[in-house]
Structure formats: C-alpha cells, structure tokens
Amino acid sequence: GGSISRRVEGWRIRLLTLSAQLESVLDFGDEDDVGELSEEFRQDLELL
C-alpha cells in the first residue's frame, strides 16, 4: 500500500531541501544575501 514508499519519499524531500541549501551556498556564496551553511543544516542532516 506504499508505507515504505511514503517513508522514503519523506527522507528524499528532506535530503533535497538540504541539497538546495548547499547548492545555493556553492553557487552564490560570494553574494551578500547568501552566507555560509547554517548550523540548522548540520542539525537537520544529523536528524535524518
């Protein structure tokens, strides 16, 4: 019925969010409105 699939999709969405944060720092880290990775990034990755 998709129990495992829904769980994996939840993990995947969280991972995509983290990847988006990281890519923004890699691509635009030298701009004023984008700084370094936040402490929340590490915390969210640890929770995952």
All heavy atoms as atom14 arrays in JSON, in Angstrom:
{
  "sequence": "GGSISRRVEGWRIRLLTLSAQLESVLDFGDEDDVGELSEEFRQDLELL",
  "atom14_mask": [
    [1, 1, 1, 1, 0, 0, 0, 0, 0, 0, 0, 0, 0, 0],
    [1, 1, 1, 1, 0, 0, 0, 0, 0, 0, 0, 0, 0, 0],
    [1, 1, 1, 1, 1, 1, 0, 0, 0, 0, 0, 0, 0, 0],
    [1, 1, 1, 1, 1, 1, 1, 1, 0, 0, 0, 0, 0, 0],
    [1, 1, 1, 1, 1, 1, 0, 0, 0, 0, 0, 0, 0, 0],
    [1, 1, 1, 1, 1, 1, 1, 1, 1, 1, 1, 0, 0, 0],
    [1, 1, 1, 1, 1, 1, 1, 1, 1, 1, 1, 0, 0, 0],
    [1, 1, 1, 1, 1, 1, 1, 0, 0, 0, 0, 0, 0, 0],
    [1, 1, 1, 1, 1, 1, 1, 1, 1, 0, 0, 0, 0, 0],
    [1, 1, 1, 1, 0, 0, 0, 0, 0, 0, 0, 0, 0, 0],
    [1, 1, 1, 1, 1, 1, 1, 1, 1, 1, 1, 1, 1, 1],
    [1, 1, 1, 1, 1, 1, 1, 1, 1, 1, 1, 0, 0, 0],
    [1, 1, 1, 1, 1, 1, 1, 1, 0, 0, 0, 0, 0, 0],
    [1, 1, 1, 1, 1, 1, 1, 1, 1, 1, 1, 0, 0, 0],
    [1, 1, 1, 1, 1, 1, 1, 1, 0, 0, 0, 0, 0, 0],
    [1, 1, 1, 1, 1, 1, 1, 1, 0, 0, 0, 0, 0, 0],
    [1, 1, 1, 1, 1, 1, 1, 0, 0, 0, 0, 0, 0, 0],
    [1, 1, 1, 1, 1, 1, 1, 1, 0, 0, 0, 0, 0, 0],
    [1, 1, 1, 1, 1, 1, 0, 0, 0, 0, 0, 0, 0, 0],
    [1, 1, 1, 1, 1, 0, 0, 0, 0, 0, 0, 0, 0, 0],
    [1, 1, 1, 1, 1, 1, 1, 1, 1, 0, 0, 0, 0, 0],
    [1, 1, 1, 1, 1, 1, 1, 1, 0, 0, 0, 0, 0, 0],
    [1, 1, 1, 1, 1, 1, 1, 1, 1, 0, 0, 0, 0, 0],
    [1, 1, 1, 1, 1, 1, 0, 0, 0, 0, 0, 0, 0, 0],
    [1, 1, 1, 1, 1, 1, 1, 0, 0, 0, 0, 0, 0, 0],
    [1, 1, 1, 1, 1, 1, 1, 1, 0, 0, 0, 0, 0, 0],
    [1, 1, 1, 1, 1, 1, 1, 1, 0, 0, 0, 0, 0, 0],
    [1, 1, 1, 1, 1, 1, 1, 1, 1, 1, 1, 0, 0, 0],
    [1, 1, 1, 1, 0, 0, 0, 0, 0, 0, 0, 0, 0, 0],
    [1, 1, 1, 1, 1, 1, 1, 1, 0, 0, 0, 0, 0, 0],
    [1, 1, 1, 1, 1, 1, 1, 1, 1, 0, 0, 0, 0, 0],
    [1, 1, 1, 1, 1, 1, 1, 1, 0, 0, 0, 0, 0, 0],
    [1, 1, 1, 1, 1, 1, 1, 1, 0, 0, 0, 0, 0, 0],
    [1, 1, 1, 1, 1, 1, 1, 0, 0, 0, 0, 0, 0, 0],
    [1, 1, 1, 1, 0, 0, 0, 0, 0, 0, 0, 0, 0, 0],
    [1, 1, 1, 1, 1, 1, 1, 1, 1, 0, 0, 0, 0, 0],
    [1, 1, 1, 1, 1, 1, 1, 1, 0, 0, 0, 0, 0, 0],
    [1, 1, 1, 1, 1, 1, 0, 0, 0, 0, 0, 0, 0, 0],
    [1, 1, 1, 1, 1, 1, 1, 1, 1, 0, 0, 0, 0, 0],
    [1, 1, 1, 1, 1, 1, 1, 1, 1, 0, 0, 0, 0, 0],
    [1, 1, 1, 1, 1, 1, 1, 1, 1, 1, 1, 0, 0, 0],
    [1, 1, 1, 1, 1, 1, 1, 1, 1, 1, 1, 0, 0, 0],
    [1, 1, 1, 1, 1, 1, 1, 1, 1, 0, 0, 0, 0, 0],
    [1, 1, 1, 1, 1, 1, 1, 1, 0, 0, 0, 0, 0, 0],
    [1, 1, 1, 1, 1, 1, 1, 1, 0, 0, 0, 0, 0, 0],
    [1, 1, 1, 1, 1, 1, 1, 1, 1, 0, 0, 0, 0, 0],
    [1, 1, 1, 1, 1, 1, 1, 1, 0, 0, 0, 0, 0, 0],
    [1, 1, 1, 1, 1, 1, 1, 1, 0, 0, 0, 0, 0, 0]
  ],
  "atom14_positions": [
    [[0.79, -1.22, 0.0], [0.0, 0.0, 0.0], [0.82, 1.27, 0.0], [0.26, 2.37, 0.04], [0.0, 0.0, 0.0], [0.0, 0.0, 0.0], [0.0, 0.0, 0.0], [0.0, 0.0, 0.0], [0.0, 0.0, 0.0], [0.0, 0.0, 0.0], [0.0, 0.0, 0.0], [0.0, 0.0, 0.0], [0.0, 0.0, 0.0], [0.0, 0.0, 0.0]],
    [[2.15, 1.14, 0.0], [3.0, 2.32, -0.13], [3.59, 2.84, 1.16], [4.15, 3.95, 1.18], [0.0, 0.0, 0.0], [0.0, 0.0, 0.0], [0.0, 0.0, 0.0], [0.0, 0.0, 0.0], [0.0, 0.0, 0.0], [0.0, 0.0, 0.0], [0.0, 0.0, 0.0], [0.0, 0.0, 0.0], [0.0, 0.0, 0.0], [0.0, 0.0, 0.0]],
    [[3.52, 2.06, 2.26], [4.05, 2.55, 3.53], [5.54, 2.86, 3.45], [5.99, 3.92, 3.88], [3.79, 1.51, 4.63], [4.34, 1.92, 5.86], [0.0, 0.0, 0.0], [0.0, 0.0, 0.0], [0.0, 0.0, 0.0], [0.0, 0.0, 0.0], [0.0, 0.0, 0.0], [0.0, 0.0, 0.0], [0.0, 0.0, 0.0], [0.0, 0.0, 0.0]],
    [[6.31, 1.93, 2.9], [7.76, 2.16, 2.75], [8.01, 3.29, 1.78], [8.87, 4.16, 2.01], [8.45, 0.86, 2.29], [8.4, -0.19, 3.39], [9.89, 1.13, 1.88], [8.98, -1.53, 3.0], [0.0, 0.0, 0.0], [0.0, 0.0, 0.0], [0.0, 0.0, 0.0], [0.0, 0.0, 0.0], [0.0, 0.0, 0.0], [0.0, 0.0, 0.0]],
    [[7.29, 3.31, 0.68], [7.49, 4.33, -0.36], [7.27, 5.74, 0.2], [8.04, 6.66, -0.1], [6.55, 4.08, -1.53], [6.73, 2.76, -2.04], [0.0, 0.0, 0.0], [0.0, 0.0, 0.0], [0.0, 0.0, 0.0], [0.0, 0.0, 0.0], [0.0, 0.0, 0.0], [0.0, 0.0, 0.0], [0.0, 0.0, 0.0], [0.0, 0.0, 0.0]],
    [[6.22, 5.91, 0.99], [5.93, 7.23, 1.56], [7.04, 7.64, 2.54], [7.42, 8.82, 2.6], [4.57, 7.22, 2.26], [3.4, 7.16, 1.3], [2.09, 7.36, 2.01], [1.78, 6.25, 2.91], [1.13, 5.15, 2.54], [0.73, 5.0, 1.29], [0.87, 4.19, 3.41], [0.0, 0.0, 0.0], [0.0, 0.0, 0.0], [0.0, 0.0, 0.0]],
    [[7.55, 6.66, 3.29], [8.61, 6.97, 4.24], [9.88, 7.41, 3.5], [10.53, 8.38, 3.87], [8.9, 5.74, 5.1], [9.71, 6.01, 6.33], [9.8, 4.76, 7.19], [10.43, 5.0, 8.46], [10.72, 4.06, 9.34], [10.39, 2.8, 9.06], [11.3, 4.35, 10.48], [0.0, 0.0, 0.0], [0.0, 0.0, 0.0], [0.0, 0.0, 0.0]],
    [[10.21, 6.67, 2.44], [11.4, 7.0, 1.65], [11.23, 8.36, 0.98], [12.18, 9.15, 0.92], [11.67, 5.91, 0.6], [12.78, 6.32, -0.35], [12.04, 4.59, 1.28], [0.0, 0.0, 0.0], [0.0, 0.0, 0.0], [0.0, 0.0, 0.0], [0.0, 0.0, 0.0], [0.0, 0.0, 0.0], [0.0, 0.0, 0.0], [0.0, 0.0, 0.0]],
    [[10.05, 8.64, 0.49], [9.81, 9.93, -0.15], [9.99, 11.07, 0.84], [10.52, 12.14, 0.49], [8.41, 9.97, -0.75], [8.08, 11.23, -1.53], [9.0, 11.46, -2.72], [9.62, 10.48, -3.21], [9.1, 12.63, -3.16], [0.0, 0.0, 0.0], [0.0, 0.0, 0.0], [0.0, 0.0, 0.0], [0.0, 0.0, 0.0], [0.0, 0.0, 0.0]],
    [[9.57, 10.86, 2.09], [9.79, 11.87, 3.12], [11.27, 12.12, 3.35], [11.71, 13.27, 3.47], [0.0, 0.0, 0.0], [0.0, 0.0, 0.0], [0.0, 0.0, 0.0], [0.0, 0.0, 0.0], [0.0, 0.0, 0.0], [0.0, 0.0, 0.0], [0.0, 0.0, 0.0], [0.0, 0.0, 0.0], [0.0, 0.0, 0.0], [0.0, 0.0, 0.0]],
    [[12.05, 11.04, 3.42], [13.5, 11.19, 3.57], [14.09, 11.92, 2.37], [14.96, 12.77, 2.52], [14.17, 9.82, 3.68], [13.84, 9.08, 4.93], [13.48, 9.61, 6.13], [13.86, 7.65, 5.11], [13.26, 8.61, 7.05], [13.5, 7.4, 6.45], [14.14, 6.58, 4.27], [13.41, 6.11, 6.97], [14.06, 5.29, 4.78], [13.7, 5.06, 6.11]],
    [[13.6, 11.58, 1.18], [14.14, 12.17, -0.05], [13.86, 13.67, -0.12], [14.72, 14.46, -0.53], [13.54, 11.46, -1.25], [14.14, 11.85, -2.59], [13.6, 10.96, -3.71], [14.17, 11.33, -5.0], [13.69, 12.27, -5.76], [12.63, 12.97, -5.38], [14.26, 12.55, -6.92], [0.0, 0.0, 0.0], [0.0, 0.0, 0.0], [0.0, 0.0, 0.0]],
    [[12.66, 14.08, 0.29], [12.31, 15.5, 0.27], [13.21, 16.27, 1.24], [13.69, 17.37, 0.93], [10.83, 15.68, 0.62], [9.94, 15.17, -0.53], [10.51, 17.15, 0.92], [8.47, 15.15, -0.21], [0.0, 0.0, 0.0], [0.0, 0.0, 0.0], [0.0, 0.0, 0.0], [0.0, 0.0, 0.0], [0.0, 0.0, 0.0], [0.0, 0.0, 0.0]],
    [[13.44, 15.7, 2.42], [14.33, 16.36, 3.39], [15.74, 16.48, 2.82], [16.41, 17.5, 3.0], [14.35, 15.56, 4.7], [13.03, 15.62, 5.45], [12.94, 14.55, 6.52], [13.94, 14.71, 7.57], [14.07, 13.84, 8.58], [13.29, 12.78, 8.65], [14.99, 14.03, 9.5], [0.0, 0.0, 0.0], [0.0, 0.0, 0.0], [0.0, 0.0, 0.0]],
    [[16.18, 15.46, 2.11], [17.5, 15.48, 1.52], [17.59, 16.5, 0.39], [18.61, 17.21, 0.26], [17.84, 14.08, 0.99], [19.31, 13.76, 0.69], [20.16, 13.97, 1.93], [19.43, 12.33, 0.21], [0.0, 0.0, 0.0], [0.0, 0.0, 0.0], [0.0, 0.0, 0.0], [0.0, 0.0, 0.0], [0.0, 0.0, 0.0], [0.0, 0.0, 0.0]],
    [[16.54, 16.61, -0.4], [16.52, 17.6, -1.47], [16.57, 19.02, -0.9], [17.22, 19.91, -1.47], [15.26, 17.43, -2.32], [15.26, 16.24, -3.29], [13.88, 16.05, -3.9], [16.31, 16.44, -4.39], [0.0, 0.0, 0.0], [0.0, 0.0, 0.0], [0.0, 0.0, 0.0], [0.0, 0.0, 0.0], [0.0, 0.0, 0.0], [0.0, 0.0, 0.0]],
    [[15.89, 19.24, 0.2], [15.93, 20.56, 0.85], [17.34, 20.9, 1.3], [17.82, 22.03, 1.12], [14.96, 20.59, 2.05], [13.63, 20.29, 1.6], [14.97, 21.94, 2.73], [0.0, 0.0, 0.0], [0.0, 0.0, 0.0], [0.0, 0.0, 0.0], [0.0, 0.0, 0.0], [0.0, 0.0, 0.0], [0.0, 0.0, 0.0], [0.0, 0.0, 0.0]],
    [[18.02, 19.92, 1.9], [19.39, 20.13, 2.34], [20.31, 20.38, 1.15], [21.2, 21.25, 1.2], [19.87, 18.91, 3.14], [19.2, 18.7, 4.49], [19.58, 17.33, 5.06], [19.59, 19.8, 5.47], [0.0, 0.0, 0.0], [0.0, 0.0, 0.0], [0.0, 0.0, 0.0], [0.0, 0.0, 0.0], [0.0, 0.0, 0.0], [0.0, 0.0, 0.0]],
    [[20.1, 19.62, 0.08], [20.92, 19.8, -1.12], [20.73, 21.19, -1.72], [21.68, 21.82, -2.21], [20.58, 18.72, -2.16], [20.93, 17.44, -1.69], [0.0, 0.0, 0.0], [0.0, 0.0, 0.0], [0.0, 0.0, 0.0], [0.0, 0.0, 0.0], [0.0, 0.0, 0.0], [0.0, 0.0, 0.0], [0.0, 0.0, 0.0], [0.0, 0.0, 0.0]],
    [[19.48, 21.68, -1.7], [19.2, 23.01, -2.24], [19.93, 24.08, -1.42], [20.48, 25.05, -1.98], [17.7, 23.26, -2.23], [0.0, 0.0, 0.0], [0.0, 0.0, 0.0], [0.0, 0.0, 0.0], [0.0, 0.0, 0.0], [0.0, 0.0, 0.0], [0.0, 0.0, 0.0], [0.0, 0.0, 0.0], [0.0, 0.0, 0.0], [0.0, 0.0, 0.0]],
    [[19.93, 23.94, -0.09], [20.66, 24.89, 0.76], [22.14, 24.88, 0.43], [22.79, 25.92, 0.33], [20.45, 24.54, 2.23], [19.02, 24.69, 2.72], [18.87, 24.25, 4.17], [19.83, 24.29, 4.93], [17.67, 23.82, 4.54], [0.0, 0.0, 0.0], [0.0, 0.0, 0.0], [0.0, 0.0, 0.0], [0.0, 0.0, 0.0], [0.0, 0.0, 0.0]],
    [[22.68, 23.67, 0.25], [24.11, 23.55, -0.03], [24.46, 24.12, -1.4], [25.46, 24.84, -1.55], [24.52, 22.07, 0.04], [25.98, 21.74, -0.25], [26.9, 22.51, 0.68], [26.21, 20.24, -0.12], [0.0, 0.0, 0.0], [0.0, 0.0, 0.0], [0.0, 0.0, 0.0], [0.0, 0.0, 0.0], [0.0, 0.0, 0.0], [0.0, 0.0, 0.0]],
    [[23.64, 23.86, -2.39], [23.91, 24.35, -3.73], [23.86, 25.88, -3.8], [24.6, 26.51, -4.54], [22.91, 23.75, -4.73], [23.04, 22.25, -4.93], [24.35, 21.85, -5.57], [24.99, 22.7, -6.23], [24.77, 20.69, -5.38], [0.0, 0.0, 0.0], [0.0, 0.0, 0.0], [0.0, 0.0, 0.0], [0.0, 0.0, 0.0], [0.0, 0.0, 0.0]],
    [[22.95, 26.46, -3.01], [22.86, 27.92, -3.0], [24.14, 28.54, -2.45], [24.58, 29.59, -2.93], [21.65, 28.37, -2.18], [21.83, 28.07, -0.81], [0.0, 0.0, 0.0], [0.0, 0.0, 0.0], [0.0, 0.0, 0.0], [0.0, 0.0, 0.0], [0.0, 0.0, 0.0], [0.0, 0.0, 0.0], [0.0, 0.0, 0.0], [0.0, 0.0, 0.0]],
    [[24.74, 27.89, -1.45], [26.0, 28.4, -0.9], [27.13, 28.22, -1.91], [27.98, 29.11, -2.09], [26.34, 27.68, 0.42], [27.73, 28.07, 0.91], [25.3, 28.03, 1.48], [0.0, 0.0, 0.0], [0.0, 0.0, 0.0], [0.0, 0.0, 0.0], [0.0, 0.0, 0.0], [0.0, 0.0, 0.0], [0.0, 0.0, 0.0], [0.0, 0.0, 0.0]],
    [[27.13, 27.07, -2.58], [28.17, 26.82, -3.58], [28.08, 27.78, -4.76], [29.1, 28.27, -5.26], [28.07, 25.37, -4.08], [28.54, 24.27, -3.13], [28.19, 22.88, -3.68], [30.05, 24.37, -2.9], [0.0, 0.0, 0.0], [0.0, 0.0, 0.0], [0.0, 0.0, 0.0], [0.0, 0.0, 0.0], [0.0, 0.0, 0.0], [0.0, 0.0, 0.0]],
    [[26.85, 28.08, -5.19], [26.66, 28.92, -6.38], [26.71, 30.41, -6.1], [27.16, 31.2, -6.94], [25.34, 28.56, -7.06], [25.35, 27.16, -7.65], [26.45, 26.6, -7.84], [24.25, 26.62, -7.89], [0.0, 0.0, 0.0], [0.0, 0.0, 0.0], [0.0, 0.0, 0.0], [0.0, 0.0, 0.0], [0.0, 0.0, 0.0], [0.0, 0.0, 0.0]],
    [[26.2, 30.8, -4.92], [26.05, 32.24, -4.67], [26.66, 32.66, -3.33], [26.24, 33.64, -2.73], [24.57, 32.63, -4.68], [23.84, 32.17, -5.91], [22.94, 31.1, -5.84], [24.07, 32.77, -7.14], [22.27, 30.66, -6.97], [23.4, 32.34, -8.26], [22.5, 31.28, -8.19], [0.0, 0.0, 0.0], [0.0, 0.0, 0.0], [0.0, 0.0, 0.0]],
    [[27.63, 31.88, -2.85], [28.2, 32.16, -1.54], [28.91, 33.5, -1.44], [29.08, 34.04, -0.34], [0.0, 0.0, 0.0], [0.0, 0.0, 0.0], [0.0, 0.0, 0.0], [0.0, 0.0, 0.0], [0.0, 0.0, 0.0], [0.0, 0.0, 0.0], [0.0, 0.0, 0.0], [0.0, 0.0, 0.0], [0.0, 0.0, 0.0], [0.0, 0.0, 0.0]],
    [[29.31, 34.06, -2.57], [30.01, 35.34, -2.55], [29.09, 36.54, -2.59], [29.53, 37.69, -2.57], [31.0, 35.42, -3.72], [30.31, 35.19, -5.07], [29.16, 34.71, -5.05], [30.94, 35.5, -6.1], [0.0, 0.0, 0.0], [0.0, 0.0, 0.0], [0.0, 0.0, 0.0], [0.0, 0.0, 0.0], [0.0, 0.0, 0.0], [0.0, 0.0, 0.0]],
    [[27.76, 36.27, -2.65], [26.8, 37.38, -2.67], [26.34, 37.71, -1.26], [26.37, 36.86, -0.37], [25.61, 37.02, -3.57], [26.01, 36.78, -5.03], [24.82, 36.53, -5.92], [23.68, 36.72, -5.45], [25.03, 36.17, -7.1], [0.0, 0.0, 0.0], [0.0, 0.0, 0.0], [0.0, 0.0, 0.0], [0.0, 0.0, 0.0], [0.0, 0.0, 0.0]],
    [[25.84, 38.93, -1.1], [25.53, 39.42, 0.25], [24.37, 38.67, 0.89], [24.34, 38.49, 2.11], [25.22, 40.92, 0.2], [26.44, 41.75, -0.18], [27.56, 41.23, 0.03], [26.25, 42.88, -0.67], [0.0, 0.0, 0.0], [0.0, 0.0, 0.0], [0.0, 0.0, 0.0], [0.0, 0.0, 0.0], [0.0, 0.0, 0.0], [0.0, 0.0, 0.0]],
    [[23.38, 38.25, 0.07], [22.17, 37.67, 0.66], [22.32, 36.16, 0.88], [21.39, 35.5, 1.33], [20.95, 37.95, -0.23], [21.15, 37.4, -1.63], [22.32, 37.14, -2.0], [20.15, 37.25, -2.36], [0.0, 0.0, 0.0], [0.0, 0.0, 0.0], [0.0, 0.0, 0.0], [0.0, 0.0, 0.0], [0.0, 0.0, 0.0], [0.0, 0.0, 0.0]],
    [[23.46, 35.56, 0.55], [23.68, 34.14, 0.77], [24.97, 33.96, 1.56], [26.04, 34.37, 1.11], [23.79, 33.37, -0.57], [24.04, 31.89, -0.3], [22.52, 33.55, -1.39], [0.0, 0.0, 0.0], [0.0, 0.0, 0.0], [0.0, 0.0, 0.0], [0.0, 0.0, 0.0], [0.0, 0.0, 0.0], [0.0, 0.0, 0.0], [0.0, 0.0, 0.0]],
    [[24.86, 33.43, 2.76], [26.04, 33.24, 3.6], [26.51, 31.8, 3.6], [26.26, 31.04, 2.66], [0.0, 0.0, 0.0], [0.0, 0.0, 0.0], [0.0, 0.0, 0.0], [0.0, 0.0, 0.0], [0.0, 0.0, 0.0], [0.0, 0.0, 0.0], [0.0, 0.0, 0.0], [0.0, 0.0, 0.0], [0.0, 0.0, 0.0], [0.0, 0.0, 0.0]],
    [[27.2, 31.41, 4.65], [27.68, 30.05, 4.8], [26.54, 29.15, 5.27], [25.45, 29.61, 5.62], [28.84, 30.01, 5.79], [30.05, 30.81, 5.34], [31.19, 30.71, 6.34], [30.97, 30.12, 7.42], [32.28, 31.22, 6.04], [0.0, 0.0, 0.0], [0.0, 0.0, 0.0], [0.0, 0.0, 0.0], [0.0, 0.0, 0.0], [0.0, 0.0, 0.0]],
    [[26.83, 27.85, 5.28], [25.83, 26.89, 5.75], [25.47, 27.17, 7.21], [26.35, 27.4, 8.04], [26.36, 25.46, 5.63], [26.37, 24.85, 4.23], [27.04, 23.49, 4.28], [24.97, 24.73, 3.68], [0.0, 0.0, 0.0], [0.0, 0.0, 0.0], [0.0, 0.0, 0.0], [0.0, 0.0, 0.0], [0.0, 0.0, 0.0], [0.0, 0.0, 0.0]],
    [[24.19, 27.15, 7.51], [23.75, 27.42, 8.88], [23.95, 26.19, 9.76], [24.13, 25.06, 9.28], [22.26, 27.8, 8.87], [21.48, 26.68, 8.46], [0.0, 0.0, 0.0], [0.0, 0.0, 0.0], [0.0, 0.0, 0.0], [0.0, 0.0, 0.0], [0.0, 0.0, 0.0], [0.0, 0.0, 0.0], [0.0, 0.0, 0.0], [0.0, 0.0, 0.0]],
    [[23.9, 26.42, 11.04], [24.01, 25.31, 11.99], [22.82, 24.37, 11.86], [22.93, 23.16, 12.12], [24.09, 25.87, 13.42], [24.33, 24.82, 14.49], [25.66, 24.08, 14.3], [26.6, 24.68, 13.75], [25.72, 22.89, 14.7], [0.0, 0.0, 0.0], [0.0, 0.0, 0.0], [0.0, 0.0, 0.0], [0.0, 0.0, 0.0], [0.0, 0.0, 0.0]],
    [[21.68, 24.91, 11.43], [20.5, 24.08, 11.24], [20.71, 23.03, 10.15], [20.14, 21.94, 10.21], [19.29, 24.96, 10.87], [18.79, 25.82, 12.02], [17.56, 26.61, 11.63], [17.14, 26.52, 10.45], [17.01, 27.31, 12.49], [0.0, 0.0, 0.0], [0.0, 0.0, 0.0], [0.0, 0.0, 0.0], [0.0, 0.0, 0.0], [0.0, 0.0, 0.0]],
    [[21.55, 23.35, 9.16], [21.85, 22.39, 8.1], [22.45, 21.13, 8.71], [22.01, 19.99, 8.41], [22.81, 23.01, 7.09], [23.26, 22.04, 6.02], [22.54, 21.91, 4.84], [24.4, 21.27, 6.19], [22.95, 21.01, 3.85], [24.82, 20.38, 5.22], [24.09, 20.25, 4.04], [0.0, 0.0, 0.0], [0.0, 0.0, 0.0], [0.0, 0.0, 0.0]],
    [[23.45, 21.29, 9.56], [24.1, 20.14, 10.2], [23.13, 19.4, 11.12], [23.1, 18.17, 11.18], [25.32, 20.6, 11.01], [26.41, 21.26, 10.18], [27.07, 20.28, 9.23], [28.12, 20.91, 8.43], [28.78, 20.28, 7.47], [28.48, 19.03, 7.17], [29.72, 20.91, 6.78], [0.0, 0.0, 0.0], [0.0, 0.0, 0.0], [0.0, 0.0, 0.0]],
    [[22.31, 20.16, 11.83], [21.34, 19.53, 12.74], [20.3, 18.72, 11.97], [19.98, 17.58, 12.36], [20.66, 20.61, 13.58], [21.59, 21.31, 14.56], [20.92, 22.46, 15.29], [19.77, 22.83, 14.98], [21.61, 23.05, 16.24], [0.0, 0.0, 0.0], [0.0, 0.0, 0.0], [0.0, 0.0, 0.0], [0.0, 0.0, 0.0], [0.0, 0.0, 0.0]],
    [[19.8, 19.28, 10.88], [18.8, 18.57, 10.08], [19.4, 17.31, 9.44], [18.73, 16.27, 9.35], [18.25, 19.48, 8.98], [17.38, 20.6, 9.54], [16.97, 20.49, 10.72], [17.13, 21.57, 8.81], [0.0, 0.0, 0.0], [0.0, 0.0, 0.0], [0.0, 0.0, 0.0], [0.0, 0.0, 0.0], [0.0, 0.0, 0.0], [0.0, 0.0, 0.0]],
    [[20.65, 17.41, 9.0], [21.3, 16.25, 8.41], [21.53, 15.16, 9.46], [21.36, 13.97, 9.19], [22.63, 16.68, 7.78], [23.39, 15.62, 6.97], [22.5, 15.01, 5.89], [24.63, 16.23, 6.34], [0.0, 0.0, 0.0], [0.0, 0.0, 0.0], [0.0, 0.0, 0.0], [0.0, 0.0, 0.0], [0.0, 0.0, 0.0], [0.0, 0.0, 0.0]],
    [[21.86, 15.57, 10.67], [22.05, 14.61, 11.76], [20.73, 13.92, 12.12], [20.69, 12.72, 12.37], [22.64, 15.31, 12.98], [22.95, 14.35, 14.13], [23.62, 15.05, 15.3], [23.92, 16.26, 15.19], [23.84, 14.4, 16.32], [0.0, 0.0, 0.0], [0.0, 0.0, 0.0], [0.0, 0.0, 0.0], [0.0, 0.0, 0.0], [0.0, 0.0, 0.0]],
    [[19.64, 14.7, 12.13], [18.32, 14.12, 12.42], [17.91, 13.12, 11.34], [17.33, 12.07, 11.65], [17.28, 15.23, 12.53], [17.35, 16.09, 13.8], [16.34, 17.24, 13.71], [17.07, 15.24, 15.04], [0.0, 0.0, 0.0], [0.0, 0.0, 0.0], [0.0, 0.0, 0.0], [0.0, 0.0, 0.0], [0.0, 0.0, 0.0], [0.0, 0.0, 0.0]],
    [[18.23, 13.43, 10.09], [17.92, 12.5, 9.01], [18.69, 11.2, 9.19], [18.13, 10.1, 9.03], [18.25, 13.13, 7.66], [18.08, 12.24, 6.43], [16.62, 11.77, 6.3], [18.52, 12.95, 5.17], [0.0, 0.0, 0.0], [0.0, 0.0, 0.0], [0.0, 0.0, 0.0], [0.0, 0.0, 0.0], [0.0, 0.0, 0.0], [0.0, 0.0, 0.0]]
  ]
}
